[in-house]
Amino acid sequence: MIGVLVTFTQPDKFDRSTIAKIAGELRGPFEGMAGLRFKSFMLGEDGVQARNFYVWDDEVKARAFFTEELVAKVAGIYGVPPKIEYLDIVGFVDNSGT
């Protein structure tokens, strides 16, 4: 498994309702997406950073998803370019079935 942390940093604070609207409008394509185990839309406590966290089955699928075209598209949605970090998941706890 591989995690991908996508961070959008804005000099001014993101509006929580705007991030919630983005999450609501964009969640559909991710539901049932092959290779994607988990995705979250998050807003930092200070409101300056919006983050998306993905858990993928493998690195090839993760890296294939984040094309230049997709990065440009989400930069337009959030108003700033993202920083993308790939993270090796060495352990995972899933309590969703309990």
PDB file of N, CA and C in Angstrom:
ATOM      1  N   MET A   1       0.839  -1.188   0.000  1.00  0.00           N
ATOM      2  CA  MET A   1       0.000   0.000   0.000  1.00  0.00           C
ATOM      3  C   MET A   1       0.876   1.241   0.000  1.00  0.00           C
ATOM      4  N   ILE A   2       0.308   2.280  -0.581  1.00  0.00           N
ATOM      5  CA  ILE A   2       1.004   3.565  -0.594  1.00  0.00           C
ATOM      6  C   ILE A   2       0.003   4.668  -0.268  1.00  0.00           C
ATOM      7  N   GLY A   3       0.464   5.627   0.509  1.00  0.00           N
ATOM      8  CA  GLY A   3      -0.354   6.792   0.820  1.00  0.00           C
ATOM      9  C   GLY A   3       0.111   7.965  -0.011  1.00  0.00           C
ATOM     10  N   VAL A   4      -0.822   8.836  -0.316  1.00  0.00           N
ATOM     11  CA  VAL A   4      -0.478  10.060  -1.029  1.00  0.00           C
ATOM     12  C   VAL A   4      -1.128  11.218  -0.276  1.00  0.00           C
ATOM     13  N   LEU A   5      -0.311  12.164   0.130  1.00  0.00           N
ATOM     14  CA  LEU A   5      -0.794  13.350   0.815  1.00  0.00           C
ATOM     15  C   LEU A   5      -0.675  14.526  -0.150  1.00  0.00           C
ATOM     16  N   VAL A   6      -1.806  15.131  -0.452  1.00  0.00           N
ATOM     17  CA  VAL A   6      -1.858  16.264  -1.373  1.00  0.00           C
ATOM     18  C   VAL A   6      -2.224  17.490  -0.538  1.00  0.00           C
ATOM     19  N   THR A   7      -1.331  18.477  -0.519  1.00  0.00           N
ATOM     20  CA  THR A   7      -1.514  19.646   0.336  1.00  0.00           C
ATOM     21  C   THR A   7      -1.635  20.912  -0.503  1.00  0.00           C
ATOM     22  N   PHE A   8      -2.663  21.684  -0.211  1.00  0.00           N
ATOM     23  CA  PHE A   8      -2.884  22.985  -0.833  1.00  0.00           C
ATOM     24  C   PHE A   8      -2.696  24.032   0.257  1.00  0.00           C
ATOM     25  N   THR A   9      -1.757  24.949   0.073  1.00  0.00           N
ATOM     26  CA  THR A   9      -1.491  25.980   1.077  1.00  0.00           C
ATOM     27  C   THR A   9      -1.841  27.332   0.483  1.00  0.00           C
ATOM     28  N   GLN A  10      -2.649  28.067   1.222  1.00  0.00           N
ATOM     29  CA  GLN A  10      -3.116  29.363   0.766  1.00  0.00           C
ATOM     30  C   GLN A  10      -2.697  30.419   1.786  1.00  0.00           C
ATOM     31  N   PRO A  11      -2.250  31.588   1.344  1.00  0.00           N
ATOM     32  CA  PRO A  11      -1.860  32.623   2.302  1.00  0.00           C
ATOM     33  C   PRO A  11      -3.036  33.045   3.191  1.00  0.00           C
ATOM     34  N   ASP A  12      -4.202  33.098   2.609  1.00  0.00           N
ATOM     35  CA  ASP A  12      -5.411  33.370   3.385  1.00  0.00           C
ATOM     36  C   ASP A  12      -6.037  32.029   3.743  1.00  0.00           C
ATOM     37  N   LYS A  13      -6.903  32.033   4.704  1.00  0.00           N
ATOM     38  CA  LYS A  13      -7.535  30.777   5.119  1.00  0.00           C
ATOM     39  C   LYS A  13      -8.531  30.286   4.071  1.00  0.00           C
ATOM     40  N   PHE A  14      -8.593  28.957   3.948  1.00  0.00           N
ATOM     41  CA  PHE A  14      -9.651  28.342   3.158  1.00  0.00           C
ATOM     42  C   PHE A  14     -10.939  28.449   3.959  1.00  0.00           C
ATOM     43  N   ASP A  15     -12.029  28.607   3.287  1.00  0.00           N
ATOM     44  CA  ASP A  15     -13.338  28.615   3.929  1.00  0.00           C
ATOM     45  C   ASP A  15     -13.801  27.161   4.078  1.00  0.00           C
ATOM     46  N   ARG A  16     -14.174  26.756   5.283  1.00  0.00           N
ATOM     47  CA  ARG A  16     -14.577  25.372   5.536  1.00  0.00           C
ATOM     48  C   ARG A  16     -15.739  24.949   4.644  1.00  0.00           C
ATOM     49  N   SER A  17     -16.705  25.817   4.450  1.00  0.00           N
ATOM     50  CA  SER A  17     -17.860  25.453   3.623  1.00  0.00           C
ATOM     51  C   SER A  17     -17.455  25.243   2.165  1.00  0.00           C
ATOM     52  N   THR A  18     -16.456  25.974   1.698  1.00  0.00           N
ATOM     53  CA  THR A  18     -15.964  25.778   0.332  1.00  0.00           C
ATOM     54  C   THR A  18     -15.302  24.416   0.196  1.00  0.00           C
ATOM     55  N   ILE A  19     -14.475  24.037   1.192  1.00  0.00           N
ATOM     56  CA  ILE A  19     -13.816  22.730   1.146  1.00  0.00           C
ATOM     57  C   ILE A  19     -14.858  21.614   1.260  1.00  0.00           C
ATOM     58  N   ALA A  20     -15.867  21.796   2.098  1.00  0.00           N
ATOM     59  CA  ALA A  20     -16.939  20.798   2.218  1.00  0.00           C
ATOM     60  C   ALA A  20     -17.704  20.662   0.901  1.00  0.00           C
ATOM     61  N   LYS A  21     -17.924  21.769   0.212  1.00  0.00           N
ATOM     62  CA  LYS A  21     -18.610  21.731  -1.092  1.00  0.00           C
ATOM     63  C   LYS A  21     -17.764  20.986  -2.119  1.00  0.00           C
ATOM     64  N   ILE A  22     -16.468  21.274  -2.146  1.00  0.00           N
ATOM     65  CA  ILE A  22     -15.555  20.571  -3.055  1.00  0.00           C
ATOM     66  C   ILE A  22     -15.606  19.070  -2.780  1.00  0.00           C
ATOM     67  N   ALA A  23     -15.543  18.699  -1.498  1.00  0.00           N
ATOM     68  CA  ALA A  23     -15.584  17.281  -1.117  1.00  0.00           C
ATOM     69  C   ALA A  23     -16.881  16.629  -1.582  1.00  0.00           C
ATOM     70  N   GLY A  24     -17.992  17.303  -1.395  1.00  0.00           N
ATOM     71  CA  GLY A  24     -19.281  16.752  -1.814  1.00  0.00           C
ATOM     72  C   GLY A  24     -19.396  16.589  -3.317  1.00  0.00           C
ATOM     73  N   GLU A  25     -18.892  17.560  -4.055  1.00  0.00           N
ATOM     74  CA  GLU A  25     -18.982  17.528  -5.514  1.00  0.00           C
ATOM     75  C   GLU A  25     -18.007  16.535  -6.141  1.00  0.00           C
ATOM     76  N   LEU A  26     -16.870  16.304  -5.489  1.00  0.00           N
ATOM     77  CA  LEU A  26     -15.834  15.461  -6.097  1.00  0.00           C
ATOM     78  C   LEU A  26     -15.795  14.030  -5.582  1.00  0.00           C
ATOM     79  N   ARG A  27     -16.578  13.690  -4.588  1.00  0.00           N
ATOM     80  CA  ARG A  27     -16.488  12.348  -4.014  1.00  0.00           C
ATOM     81  C   ARG A  27     -16.969  11.251  -4.962  1.00  0.00           C
ATOM     82  N   GLY A  28     -17.950  11.528  -5.778  1.00  0.00           N
ATOM     83  CA  GLY A  28     -18.553  10.526  -6.657  1.00  0.00           C
ATOM     84  C   GLY A  28     -17.574   9.718  -7.494  1.00  0.00           C
ATOM     85  N   PRO A  29     -16.682  10.370  -8.228  1.00  0.00           N
ATOM     86  CA  PRO A  29     -15.747   9.608  -9.063  1.00  0.00           C
ATOM     87  C   PRO A  29     -14.807   8.688  -8.281  1.00  0.00           C
ATOM     88  N   PHE A  30     -14.603   8.985  -7.001  1.00  0.00           N
ATOM     89  CA  PHE A  30     -13.698   8.173  -6.193  1.00  0.00           C
ATOM     90  C   PHE A  30     -14.367   6.933  -5.609  1.00  0.00           C
ATOM     91  N   GLU A  31     -15.687   6.953  -5.514  1.00  0.00           N
ATOM     92  CA  GLU A  31     -16.411   5.820  -4.951  1.00  0.00           C
ATOM     93  C   GLU A  31     -16.301   4.629  -5.898  1.00  0.00           C
ATOM     94  N   GLY A  32     -15.729   3.544  -5.406  1.00  0.00           N
ATOM     95  CA  GLY A  32     -15.558   2.346  -6.219  1.00  0.00           C
ATOM     96  C   GLY A  32     -14.392   2.402  -7.193  1.00  0.00           C
ATOM     97  N   MET A  33     -13.538   3.421  -7.101  1.00  0.00           N
ATOM     98  CA  MET A  33     -12.403   3.553  -8.018  1.00  0.00           C
ATOM     99  C   MET A  33     -11.426   2.388  -7.813  1.00  0.00           C
ATOM    100  N   ALA A  34     -11.084   1.735  -8.892  1.00  0.00           N
ATOM    101  CA  ALA A  34     -10.162   0.596  -8.832  1.00  0.00           C
ATOM    102  C   ALA A  34      -8.819   1.008  -8.260  1.00  0.00           C
ATOM    103  N   GLY A  35      -8.361   0.267  -7.261  1.00  0.00           N
ATOM    104  CA  GLY A  35      -7.056   0.506  -6.671  1.00  0.00           C
ATOM    105  C   GLY A  35      -7.036   1.496  -5.526  1.00  0.00           C
ATOM    106  N   LEU A  36      -8.103   2.283  -5.373  1.00  0.00           N
ATOM    107  CA  LEU A  36      -8.168   3.268  -4.299  1.00  0.00           C
ATOM    108  C   LEU A  36      -8.922   2.681  -3.116  1.00  0.00           C
ATOM    109  N   ARG A  37      -8.250   2.574  -1.989  1.00  0.00           N
ATOM    110  CA  ARG A  37      -8.881   2.028  -0.783  1.00  0.00           C
ATOM    111  C   ARG A  37      -9.576   3.089   0.036  1.00  0.00           C
ATOM    112  N   PHE A  38      -9.039   4.308   0.021  1.00  0.00           N
ATOM    113  CA  PHE A  38      -9.511   5.333   0.942  1.00  0.00           C
ATOM    114  C   PHE A  38      -9.125   6.701   0.411  1.00  0.00           C
ATOM    115  N   LYS A  39      -9.999   7.684   0.619  1.00  0.00           N
ATOM    116  CA  LYS A  39      -9.672   9.081   0.293  1.00  0.00           C
ATOM    117  C   LYS A  39     -10.375   9.972   1.299  1.00  0.00           C
ATOM    118  N   SER A  40      -9.665  10.967   1.780  1.00  0.00           N
ATOM    119  CA  SER A  40     -10.288  11.932   2.683  1.00  0.00           C
ATOM    120  C   SER A  40      -9.989  13.348   2.213  1.00  0.00           C
ATOM    121  N   PHE A  41     -10.930  14.227   2.487  1.00  0.00           N
ATOM    122  CA  PHE A  41     -10.779  15.653   2.243  1.00  0.00           C
ATOM    123  C   PHE A  41     -10.655  16.291   3.625  1.00  0.00           C
ATOM    124  N   MET A  42      -9.602  17.049   3.861  1.00  0.00           N
ATOM    125  CA  MET A  42      -9.357  17.584   5.202  1.00  0.00           C
ATOM    126  C   MET A  42      -8.994  19.062   5.138  1.00  0.00           C
ATOM    127  N   LEU A  43      -9.245  19.738   6.259  1.00  0.00           N
ATOM    128  CA  LEU A  43      -8.868  21.128   6.404  1.00  0.00           C
ATOM    129  C   LEU A  43      -8.072  21.260   7.687  1.00  0.00           C
ATOM    130  N   GLY A  44      -6.878  21.857   7.601  1.00  0.00           N
ATOM    131  CA  GLY A  44      -6.040  22.048   8.769  1.00  0.00           C
ATOM    132  C   GLY A  44      -6.710  22.934   9.802  1.00  0.00           C
ATOM    133  N   GLU A  45      -6.330  22.748  11.031  1.00  0.00           N
ATOM    134  CA  GLU A  45      -6.929  23.490  12.141  1.00  0.00           C
ATOM    135  C   GLU A  45      -6.826  25.002  11.947  1.00  0.00           C
ATOM    136  N   ASP A  46      -5.721  25.453  11.368  1.00  0.00           N
ATOM    137  CA  ASP A  46      -5.545  26.892  11.157  1.00  0.00           C
ATOM    138  C   ASP A  46      -6.243  27.389   9.892  1.00  0.00           C
ATOM    139  N   GLY A  47      -6.763  26.476   9.070  1.00  0.00           N
ATOM    140  CA  GLY A  47      -7.488  26.841   7.857  1.00  0.00           C
ATOM    141  C   GLY A  47      -6.612  27.227   6.683  1.00  0.00           C
ATOM    142  N   VAL A  48      -5.308  27.249   6.875  1.00  0.00           N
ATOM    143  CA  VAL A  48      -4.384  27.670   5.815  1.00  0.00           C
ATOM    144  C   VAL A  48      -4.102  26.542   4.829  1.00  0.00           C
ATOM    145  N   GLN A  49      -4.220  25.297   5.293  1.00  0.00           N
ATOM    146  CA  GLN A  49      -3.957  24.154   4.423  1.00  0.00           C
ATOM    147  C   GLN A  49      -5.173  23.251   4.297  1.00  0.00           C
ATOM    148  N   ALA A  50      -5.479  22.920   3.046  1.00  0.00           N
ATOM    149  CA  ALA A  50      -6.461  21.874   2.750  1.00  0.00           C
ATOM    150  C   ALA A  50      -5.643  20.679   2.300  1.00  0.00           C
ATOM    151  N   ARG A  51      -6.020  19.495   2.784  1.00  0.00           N
ATOM    152  CA  ARG A  51      -5.263  18.296   2.440  1.00  0.00           C
ATOM    153  C   ARG A  51      -6.213  17.195   1.995  1.00  0.00           C
ATOM    154  N   ASN A  52      -5.732  16.423   1.050  1.00  0.00           N
ATOM    155  CA  ASN A  52      -6.424  15.208   0.626  1.00  0.00           C
ATOM    156  C   ASN A  52      -5.473  14.052   0.880  1.00  0.00           C
ATOM    157  N   PHE A  53      -5.993  13.000   1.491  1.00  0.00           N
ATOM    158  CA  PHE A  53      -5.156  11.840   1.759  1.00  0.00           C
ATOM    159  C   PHE A  53      -5.761  10.626   1.085  1.00  0.00           C
ATOM    160  N   TYR A  54      -4.932   9.912   0.348  1.00  0.00           N
ATOM    161  CA  TYR A  54      -5.332   8.734  -0.406  1.00  0.00           C
ATOM    162  C   TYR A  54      -4.556   7.516   0.095  1.00  0.00           C
ATOM    163  N   VAL A  55      -5.205   6.365   0.090  1.00  0.00           N
ATOM    164  CA  VAL A  55      -4.522   5.097   0.306  1.00  0.00           C
ATOM    165  C   VAL A  55      -4.805   4.246  -0.927  1.00  0.00           C
ATOM    166  N   TRP A  56      -3.732   3.866  -1.604  1.00  0.00           N
ATOM    167  CA  TRP A  56      -3.815   3.088  -2.842  1.00  0.00           C
ATOM    168  C   TRP A  56      -3.269   1.677  -2.611  1.00  0.00           C
ATOM    169  N   ASP A  57      -3.735   0.739  -3.432  1.00  0.00           N
ATOM    170  CA  ASP A  57      -3.230  -0.633  -3.371  1.00  0.00           C
ATOM    171  C   ASP A  57      -1.757  -0.713  -3.720  1.00  0.00           C
ATOM    172  N   ASP A  58      -1.341   0.081  -4.716  1.00  0.00           N
ATOM    173  CA  ASP A  58       0.066   0.036  -5.103  1.00  0.00           C
ATOM    174  C   ASP A  58       0.518   1.367  -5.693  1.00  0.00           C
ATOM    175  N   GLU A  59       1.816   1.539  -5.722  1.00  0.00           N
ATOM    176  CA  GLU A  59       2.422   2.793  -6.150  1.00  0.00           C
ATOM    177  C   GLU A  59       2.165   3.103  -7.622  1.00  0.00           C
ATOM    178  N   VAL A  60       2.147   2.095  -8.460  1.00  0.00           N
ATOM    179  CA  VAL A  60       1.930   2.324  -9.895  1.00  0.00           C
ATOM    180  C   VAL A  60       0.576   2.994 -10.127  1.00  0.00           C
ATOM    181  N   LYS A  61      -0.464   2.488  -9.474  1.00  0.00           N
ATOM    182  CA  LYS A  61      -1.803   3.085  -9.622  1.00  0.00           C
ATOM    183  C   LYS A  61      -1.832   4.501  -9.068  1.00  0.00           C
ATOM    184  N   ALA A  62      -1.187   4.688  -7.935  1.00  0.00           N
ATOM    185  CA  ALA A  62      -1.172   6.014  -7.316  1.00  0.00           C
ATOM    186  C   ALA A  62      -0.501   7.038  -8.222  1.00  0.00           C
ATOM    187  N   ARG A  63       0.672   6.699  -8.711  1.00  0.00           N
ATOM    188  CA  ARG A  63       1.407   7.652  -9.552  1.00  0.00           C
ATOM    189  C   ARG A  63       0.719   7.870 -10.900  1.00  0.00           C
ATOM    190  N   ALA A  64       0.062   6.849 -11.415  1.00  0.00           N
ATOM    191  CA  ALA A  64      -0.656   6.983 -12.689  1.00  0.00           C
ATOM    192  C   ALA A  64      -1.846   7.933 -12.559  1.00  0.00           C
ATOM    193  N   PHE A  65      -2.421   7.997 -11.387  1.00  0.00           N
ATOM    194  CA  PHE A  65      -3.586   8.862 -11.163  1.00  0.00           C
ATOM    195  C   PHE A  65      -3.210  10.342 -11.217  1.00  0.00           C
ATOM    196  N   PHE A  66      -2.071  10.692 -10.644  1.00  0.00           N
ATOM    197  CA  PHE A  66      -1.689  12.091 -10.512  1.00  0.00           C
ATOM    198  C   PHE A  66      -0.936  12.591 -11.748  1.00  0.00           C
ATOM    199  N   THR A  67      -1.672  12.701 -12.834  1.00  0.00           N
ATOM    200  CA  THR A  67      -1.107  13.193 -14.091  1.00  0.00           C
ATOM    201  C   THR A  67      -0.940  14.720 -14.025  1.00  0.00           C
ATOM    202  N   GLU A  68      -0.172  15.265 -14.947  1.00  0.00           N
ATOM    203  CA  GLU A  68      -0.026  16.728 -15.029  1.00  0.00           C
ATOM    204  C   GLU A  68      -1.379  17.388 -15.234  1.00  0.00           C
ATOM    205  N   GLU A  69      -2.229  16.762 -16.048  1.00  0.00           N
ATOM    206  CA  GLU A  69      -3.554  17.305 -16.313  1.00  0.00           C
ATOM    207  C   GLU A  69      -4.395  17.355 -15.040  1.00  0.00           C
ATOM    208  N   LEU A  70      -4.355  16.281 -14.251  1.00  0.00           N
ATOM    209  CA  LEU A  70      -5.123  16.253 -13.007  1.00  0.00           C
ATOM    210  C   LEU A  70      -4.598  17.296 -12.020  1.00  0.00           C
ATOM    211  N   VAL A  71      -3.289  17.413 -11.902  1.00  0.00           N
ATOM    212  CA  VAL A  71      -2.690  18.392 -10.992  1.00  0.00           C
ATOM    213  C   VAL A  71      -3.124  19.806 -11.384  1.00  0.00           C
ATOM    214  N   ALA A  72      -3.134  20.108 -12.668  1.00  0.00           N
ATOM    215  CA  ALA A  72      -3.580  21.420 -13.141  1.00  0.00           C
ATOM    216  C   ALA A  72      -5.060  21.638 -12.823  1.00  0.00           C
ATOM    217  N   LYS A  73      -5.854  20.594 -12.971  1.00  0.00           N
ATOM    218  CA  LYS A  73      -7.292  20.700 -12.697  1.00  0.00           C
ATOM    219  C   LYS A  73      -7.554  21.001 -11.218  1.00  0.00           C
ATOM    220  N   VAL A  74      -6.898  20.268 -10.315  1.00  0.00           N
ATOM    221  CA  VAL A  74      -7.152  20.509  -8.890  1.00  0.00           C
ATOM    222  C   VAL A  74      -6.559  21.842  -8.436  1.00  0.00           C
ATOM    223  N   ALA A  75      -5.488  22.288  -9.073  1.00  0.00           N
ATOM    224  CA  ALA A  75      -4.956  23.620  -8.760  1.00  0.00           C
ATOM    225  C   ALA A  75      -6.001  24.684  -9.077  1.00  0.00           C
ATOM    226  N   GLY A  76      -6.724  24.491 -10.166  1.00  0.00           N
ATOM    227  CA  GLY A  76      -7.808  25.416 -10.509  1.00  0.00           C
ATOM    228  C   GLY A  76      -8.959  25.365  -9.526  1.00  0.00           C
ATOM    229  N   ILE A  77      -9.271  24.182  -9.042  1.00  0.00           N
ATOM    230  CA  ILE A  77     -10.371  24.022  -8.086  1.00  0.00           C
ATOM    231  C   ILE A  77     -10.041  24.677  -6.749  1.00  0.00           C
ATOM    232  N   TYR A  78      -8.829  24.439  -6.247  1.00  0.00           N
ATOM    233  CA  TYR A  78      -8.435  24.953  -4.932  1.00  0.00           C
ATOM    234  C   TYR A  78      -7.812  26.351  -4.990  1.00  0.00           C
ATOM    235  N   GLY A  79      -7.444  26.793  -6.176  1.00  0.00           N
ATOM    236  CA  GLY A  79      -6.883  28.131  -6.334  1.00  0.00           C
ATOM    237  C   GLY A  79      -5.388  28.233  -6.108  1.00  0.00           C
ATOM    238  N   VAL A  80      -4.755  27.121  -5.782  1.00  0.00           N
ATOM    239  CA  VAL A  80      -3.298  27.075  -5.587  1.00  0.00           C
ATOM    240  C   VAL A  80      -2.797  25.710  -6.035  1.00  0.00           C
ATOM    241  N   PRO A  81      -1.537  25.627  -6.486  1.00  0.00           N
ATOM    242  CA  PRO A  81      -1.006  24.323  -6.886  1.00  0.00           C
ATOM    243  C   PRO A  81      -0.761  23.438  -5.664  1.00  0.00           C
ATOM    244  N   PRO A  82      -0.920  22.125  -5.835  1.00  0.00           N
ATOM    245  CA  PRO A  82      -0.720  21.217  -4.710  1.00  0.00           C
ATOM    246  C   PRO A  82       0.729  20.771  -4.556  1.00  0.00           C
ATOM    247  N   LYS A  83       1.058  20.367  -3.346  1.00  0.00           N
ATOM    248  CA  LYS A  83       2.295  19.642  -3.070  1.00  0.00           C
ATOM    249  C   LYS A  83       1.877  18.187  -2.900  1.00  0.00           C
ATOM    250  N   ILE A  84       2.513  17.286  -3.648  1.00  0.00           N
ATOM    251  CA  ILE A  84       2.135  15.872  -3.604  1.00  0.00           C
ATOM    252  C   ILE A  84       3.279  15.076  -2.993  1.00  0.00           C
ATOM    253  N   GLU A  85       2.947  14.317  -1.944  1.00  0.00           N
ATOM    254  CA  GLU A  85       3.937  13.479  -1.261  1.00  0.00           C
ATOM    255  C   GLU A  85       3.475  12.029  -1.308  1.00  0.00           C
ATOM    256  N   TYR A  86       4.367  11.135  -1.686  1.00  0.00           N
ATOM    257  CA  TYR A  86       4.095   9.706  -1.698  1.00  0.00           C
ATOM    258  C   TYR A  86       4.689   9.103  -0.428  1.00  0.00           C
ATOM    259  N   LEU A  87       3.889   8.309   0.284  1.00  0.00           N
ATOM    260  CA  LEU A  87       4.282   7.778   1.588  1.00  0.00           C
ATOM    261  C   LEU A  87       4.155   6.262   1.601  1.00  0.00           C
ATOM    262  N   ASP A  88       5.184   5.599   2.043  1.00  0.00           N
ATOM    263  CA  ASP A  88       5.171   4.139   2.169  1.00  0.00           C
ATOM    264  C   ASP A  88       4.378   3.770   3.423  1.00  0.00           C
ATOM    265  N   ILE A  89       3.251   3.117   3.264  1.00  0.00           N
ATOM    266  CA  ILE A  89       2.442   2.701   4.411  1.00  0.00           C
ATOM    267  C   ILE A  89       3.001   1.378   4.915  1.00  0.00           C
ATOM    268  N   VAL A  90       3.560   1.409   6.100  1.00  0.00           N
ATOM    269  CA  VAL A  90       4.191   0.216   6.661  1.00  0.00           C
ATOM    270  C   VAL A  90       3.277  -0.497   7.662  1.00  0.00           C
ATOM    271  N   GLY A  91       2.170   0.099   7.997  1.00  0.00           N
ATOM    272  CA  GLY A  91       1.178  -0.516   8.869  1.00  0.00           C
ATOM    273  C   GLY A  91      -0.134   0.215   8.706  1.00  0.00           C
ATOM    274  N   PHE A  92      -1.242  -0.503   8.912  1.00  0.00           N
ATOM    275  CA  PHE A  92      -2.559   0.089   8.661  1.00  0.00           C
ATOM    276  C   PHE A  92      -3.567  -0.570   9.590  1.00  0.00           C
ATOM    277  N   VAL A  93      -4.384   0.219  10.249  1.00  0.00           N
ATOM    278  CA  VAL A  93      -5.471  -0.282  11.089  1.00  0.00           C
ATOM    279  C   VAL A  93      -6.779   0.153  10.458  1.00  0.00           C
ATOM    280  N   ASP A  94      -7.676  -0.769  10.217  1.00  0.00           N
ATOM    281  CA  ASP A  94      -8.977  -0.455   9.616  1.00  0.00           C
ATOM    282  C   ASP A  94     -10.061  -0.945  10.558  1.00  0.00           C
ATOM    283  N   ASN A  95     -10.723  -0.014  11.206  1.00  0.00           N
ATOM    284  CA  ASN A  95     -11.808  -0.340  12.138  1.00  0.00           C
ATOM    285  C   ASN A  95     -13.186  -0.135  11.528  1.00  0.00           C
ATOM    286  N   SER A  96     -13.250   0.074  10.215  1.00  0.00           N
ATOM    287  CA  SER A  96     -14.531   0.402   9.583  1.00  0.00           C
ATOM    288  C   SER A  96     -15.544  -0.724   9.649  1.00  0.00           C
ATOM    289  N   GLY A  97     -15.090  -1.962   9.780  1.00  0.00           N
ATOM    290  CA  GLY A  97     -16.011  -3.097   9.836  1.00  0.00           C
ATOM    291  C   GLY A  97     -16.505  -3.426  11.227  1.00  0.00           C
ATOM    292  N   THR A  98     -16.068  -2.665  12.236  1.00  0.00           N
ATOM    293  CA  THR A  98     -16.483  -2.969  13.619  1.00  0.00           C
ATOM    294  C   THR A  98     -17.564  -2.061  14.116  1.00  0.00           C
TER     295      THR A  98
END
